[in-house]
Amino acid sequence: MELVGTNVDLLAIAETKLDPSFPINQFTSPGFKKPYRFDVNARQGGIMVLVNSNIPSRLINLSYCPNDIQQISIELNFNKHKWLIVSIYKPPTQNEHYFLEKLTILLDHYDKDYENILIIGDFNLEPDLEPVREFMLNHKLDNLIKNPTCFKSSEGKCIDLILCNQKFKCKNTGVYETGLSDYHCLIYSCLKLNFQKLPPIQISYRDF
């Protein structure tokens, strides 16, 4: 969290490699709500999302979504503007058609509830692949990330994506090398929105 400081309002981490044995207090941070988690195991997968404590948010439980689809769906409420944020991780071995089919069911279910939809994460798929292009076309999504994000090869591949159906509501999108990963870069974007900070909580202590 020293890296993001107070400059980030939502942080999504893909492939955390955590299991439930890690206590949640280990990942809490001042200024952020209790982290949303999708744990797998210490060898692969896992997602964690932290949201600014001033932004109203809630976890959307998807009982119809199979457990092998690693996703965290969160509603963010900016006054009259509601956003559906879907943080994902697709393991390299998971079938791309199966993964995108389950994402399609998710979006079809909530398409009428949310005017603003953003999907972010490690797809392990490049945006110019035909199944990904078809998925974006069917849901009127644009990929905001244009540069390579993973450098297991010298030329790099763009497999960490931000898909949004309201690309004109986003700005300053890019890729950043943090030095924390052997291969992957951080991807980021800003929403053209403001939110009002909550008033400070006053705690009174009894003087003994």
Protein backbone atom coordinates (compact mmCIF):
# COMPACT_ATOMS: atom_id res chain seq x y z
CA MET A 1 0.00 0.00 0.00
CA GLU A 2 3.01 2.29 0.26
CA LEU A 3 3.06 2.28 -3.53
CA VAL A 4 -0.47 3.64 -4.00
CA GLY A 5 -0.72 5.87 -0.92
CA THR A 6 -3.75 8.15 -1.16
CA ASN A 7 -3.65 8.37 -4.97
CA VAL A 8 -5.77 5.25 -5.63
CA ASP A 9 -9.46 4.80 -4.82
CA LEU A 10 -9.82 1.21 -6.05
CA LEU A 11 -7.01 -1.33 -6.16
CA ALA A 12 -7.58 -4.74 -7.78
CA ILE A 13 -4.86 -7.38 -7.37
CA ALA A 14 -4.94 -10.49 -9.53
CA GLU A 15 -3.29 -13.78 -8.60
CA THR A 16 -2.79 -13.06 -4.93
CA LYS A 17 -1.93 -16.72 -4.22
CA LEU A 18 -3.73 -16.61 -0.87
CA ASP A 19 -5.85 -19.14 0.96
CA PRO A 20 -8.30 -18.57 3.85
CA SER A 21 -5.52 -19.17 6.41
CA PHE A 22 -4.30 -15.60 5.85
CA PRO A 23 -6.17 -13.28 8.28
CA ILE A 24 -8.01 -10.35 6.73
CA ASN A 25 -6.40 -7.90 9.16
CA GLN A 26 -3.11 -8.58 7.45
CA PHE A 27 -4.38 -6.73 4.36
CA THR A 28 -6.40 -3.86 5.83
CA SER A 29 -5.11 -0.38 5.15
CA PRO A 30 -6.03 3.09 6.47
CA GLY A 31 -8.49 4.87 4.19
CA PHE A 32 -9.79 1.62 2.66
CA LYS A 33 -12.66 -0.66 3.51
CA LYS A 34 -12.24 -4.27 4.48
CA PRO A 35 -10.76 -5.97 1.40
CA TYR A 36 -12.95 -8.07 -0.88
CA ARG A 37 -11.26 -11.44 -1.44
CA PHE A 38 -11.45 -14.48 -3.71
CA ASP A 39 -8.97 -17.01 -2.33
CA VAL A 40 -7.66 -20.09 -4.12
CA ASN A 41 -4.36 -21.43 -2.78
CA ALA A 42 -0.69 -20.55 -2.34
CA ARG A 43 0.27 -21.86 -5.78
CA GLN A 44 -2.10 -20.06 -8.13
CA GLY A 45 -4.95 -17.64 -8.62
CA GLY A 46 -6.79 -15.41 -6.21
CA ILE A 47 -8.11 -11.83 -6.31
CA MET A 48 -8.26 -8.99 -3.82
CA VAL A 49 -10.00 -5.62 -4.23
CA LEU A 50 -9.64 -2.62 -1.94
CA VAL A 51 -12.05 0.32 -2.17
CA ASN A 52 -11.72 3.83 -0.71
CA SER A 53 -13.76 4.02 2.49
CA ASN A 54 -15.48 7.19 1.20
CA ILE A 55 -17.01 5.40 -1.80
CA PRO A 56 -20.25 3.47 -1.13
CA SER A 57 -19.70 -0.07 -2.38
CA ARG A 58 -21.16 -3.52 -1.97
CA LEU A 59 -20.20 -7.01 -3.01
CA ILE A 60 -22.54 -8.64 -5.51
CA ASN A 61 -22.97 -12.32 -4.74
CA LEU A 62 -23.35 -14.35 -7.89
CA SER A 63 -24.77 -17.71 -6.83
CA TYR A 64 -25.09 -18.81 -10.44
CA CYS A 65 -21.40 -18.19 -11.23
CA PRO A 66 -19.29 -21.37 -10.88
CA ASN A 67 -16.43 -21.33 -8.36
CA ASP A 68 -13.82 -21.97 -11.03
CA ILE A 69 -14.52 -18.51 -12.49
CA GLN A 70 -12.30 -16.22 -10.45
CA GLN A 71 -14.13 -12.91 -10.18
CA ILE A 72 -15.16 -10.26 -7.68
CA SER A 73 -18.14 -8.13 -8.73
CA ILE A 74 -18.65 -4.86 -6.85
CA GLU A 75 -21.15 -2.05 -7.15
CA LEU A 76 -19.74 1.46 -6.71
CA ASN A 77 -22.19 4.28 -6.14
CA PHE A 78 -21.16 7.81 -7.11
CA ASN A 79 -24.27 9.82 -6.23
CA LYS A 80 -26.54 9.10 -9.21
CA HIS A 81 -23.91 7.11 -11.09
CA LYS A 82 -23.64 3.39 -10.35
CA TRP A 83 -20.78 1.33 -11.71
CA LEU A 84 -20.41 -2.42 -11.93
CA ILE A 85 -16.73 -3.25 -11.43
CA VAL A 86 -15.75 -6.84 -12.22
CA SER A 87 -12.23 -7.86 -11.20
CA ILE A 88 -11.12 -11.13 -12.79
CA TYR A 89 -8.29 -13.59 -13.15
CA LYS A 90 -8.31 -16.27 -15.85
CA PRO A 91 -5.76 -19.05 -15.28
CA PRO A 92 -3.69 -19.78 -18.41
CA THR A 93 -5.03 -23.34 -18.54
CA GLN A 94 -8.72 -22.36 -18.37
CA ASN A 95 -10.61 -22.66 -21.64
CA GLU A 96 -11.13 -19.18 -23.10
CA HIS A 97 -14.57 -19.97 -24.54
CA TYR A 98 -15.79 -21.32 -21.20
CA PHE A 99 -14.43 -18.30 -19.32
CA LEU A 100 -15.96 -15.74 -21.69
CA GLU A 101 -19.25 -17.66 -21.74
CA LYS A 102 -19.56 -17.33 -17.94
CA LEU A 103 -18.64 -13.64 -18.11
CA THR A 104 -21.34 -13.21 -20.75
CA ILE A 105 -23.94 -14.74 -18.40
CA LEU A 106 -22.82 -12.33 -15.67
CA LEU A 107 -23.11 -9.27 -17.90
CA ASP A 108 -26.43 -10.39 -19.40
CA HIS A 109 -27.82 -10.73 -15.89
CA TYR A 110 -26.82 -7.19 -14.84
CA ASP A 111 -26.94 -5.34 -18.15
CA LYS A 112 -30.24 -3.62 -17.31
CA ASP A 113 -29.15 -2.67 -13.79
CA TYR A 114 -25.90 -0.89 -14.66
CA GLU A 115 -25.33 1.71 -17.33
CA ASN A 116 -21.61 1.74 -16.50
CA ILE A 117 -19.61 -1.49 -16.60
CA LEU A 118 -15.86 -2.00 -16.21
CA ILE A 119 -14.00 -5.32 -16.24
CA ILE A 120 -10.38 -5.32 -15.13
CA GLY A 121 -7.80 -8.03 -14.60
CA ASP A 122 -5.42 -10.60 -15.96
CA PHE A 123 -7.24 -12.23 -18.87
CA ASN A 124 -4.23 -14.17 -20.13
CA LEU A 125 -5.79 -13.37 -23.51
CA GLU A 126 -4.85 -10.68 -26.00
CA PRO A 127 -7.63 -8.30 -27.10
CA ASP A 128 -7.21 -9.03 -30.80
CA LEU A 129 -8.07 -12.74 -30.39
CA GLU A 130 -11.33 -13.55 -32.13
CA PRO A 131 -13.22 -14.80 -29.00
CA VAL A 132 -12.24 -11.67 -27.07
CA ARG A 133 -13.16 -9.38 -29.97
CA GLU A 134 -16.54 -11.08 -30.27
CA PHE A 135 -17.11 -10.79 -26.51
CA MET A 136 -16.33 -7.06 -26.57
CA LEU A 137 -18.51 -6.49 -29.63
CA ASN A 138 -21.50 -8.30 -28.11
CA HIS A 139 -21.33 -6.22 -24.94
CA LYS A 140 -20.23 -2.93 -26.53
CA LEU A 141 -16.96 -2.95 -24.62
CA ASP A 142 -13.71 -1.21 -25.52
CA ASN A 143 -10.28 -2.25 -24.31
CA LEU A 144 -8.52 0.76 -22.80
CA ILE A 145 -5.07 -0.87 -22.56
CA LYS A 146 -3.02 -0.58 -25.75
CA ASN A 147 0.54 -1.39 -24.63
CA PRO A 148 2.14 -4.72 -23.65
CA THR A 149 1.63 -5.59 -19.98
CA CYS A 150 3.40 -8.96 -19.61
CA PHE A 151 7.04 -9.48 -20.59
CA LYS A 152 7.70 -13.20 -20.37
CA SER A 153 8.96 -12.67 -23.92
CA SER A 154 11.09 -9.75 -25.08
CA GLU A 155 8.34 -8.20 -27.23
CA GLY A 156 5.71 -8.49 -24.49
CA LYS A 157 1.99 -9.23 -24.70
CA CYS A 158 -1.12 -7.24 -23.78
CA ILE A 159 -2.99 -9.73 -21.60
CA ASP A 160 -3.96 -7.48 -18.65
CA LEU A 161 -7.02 -5.59 -19.84
CA ILE A 162 -9.51 -2.92 -18.82
CA LEU A 163 -12.79 -3.38 -20.70
CA CYS A 164 -15.35 -0.60 -20.39
CA ASN A 165 -18.67 0.21 -22.05
CA GLN A 166 -18.20 3.93 -21.30
CA LYS A 167 -14.68 4.62 -22.55
CA PHE A 168 -15.29 8.37 -22.72
CA LYS A 169 -15.83 8.39 -18.95
CA CYS A 170 -12.25 7.21 -18.46
CA LYS A 171 -9.02 9.14 -18.82
CA ASN A 172 -5.26 8.87 -18.20
CA THR A 173 -5.24 5.13 -18.85
CA GLY A 174 -1.84 3.49 -19.01
CA VAL A 175 0.71 0.85 -18.02
CA TYR A 176 3.27 1.27 -15.24
CA GLU A 177 6.30 -0.80 -14.29
CA THR A 178 6.29 -1.15 -10.50
CA GLY A 179 9.30 -3.40 -10.09
CA LEU A 180 7.23 -5.73 -7.86
CA SER A 181 6.56 -8.40 -10.50
CA ASP A 182 8.93 -10.43 -12.65
CA TYR A 183 6.74 -10.10 -15.73
CA HIS A 184 3.59 -8.00 -15.24
CA CYS A 185 3.07 -4.26 -15.21
CA LEU A 186 0.41 -2.35 -13.30
CA ILE A 187 -2.53 -1.13 -15.41
CA TYR A 188 -4.51 1.92 -14.38
CA SER A 189 -7.26 4.32 -15.43
CA CYS A 190 -9.16 7.27 -13.94
CA LEU A 191 -12.91 7.79 -13.99
CA LYS A 192 -14.18 11.28 -14.77
CA LEU A 193 -16.15 11.34 -11.52
CA ASN A 194 -15.98 12.97 -8.13
CA PHE A 195 -17.25 11.75 -4.79
CA GLN A 196 -17.82 13.51 -1.50
CA LYS A 197 -15.67 12.47 1.41
CA LEU A 198 -17.53 11.23 4.45
CA PRO A 199 -17.34 13.37 7.60
CA PRO A 200 -14.76 12.18 10.15
CA ILE A 201 -15.94 9.85 12.87
CA GLN A 202 -15.60 11.32 16.35
CA ILE A 203 -14.75 8.87 19.10
CA SER A 204 -15.13 10.02 22.72
CA TYR A 205 -13.01 8.35 25.38
CA ARG A 206 -13.88 8.39 29.07
CA ASP A 207 -11.22 9.94 31.25
CA PHE A 208 -10.44 7.69 34.19
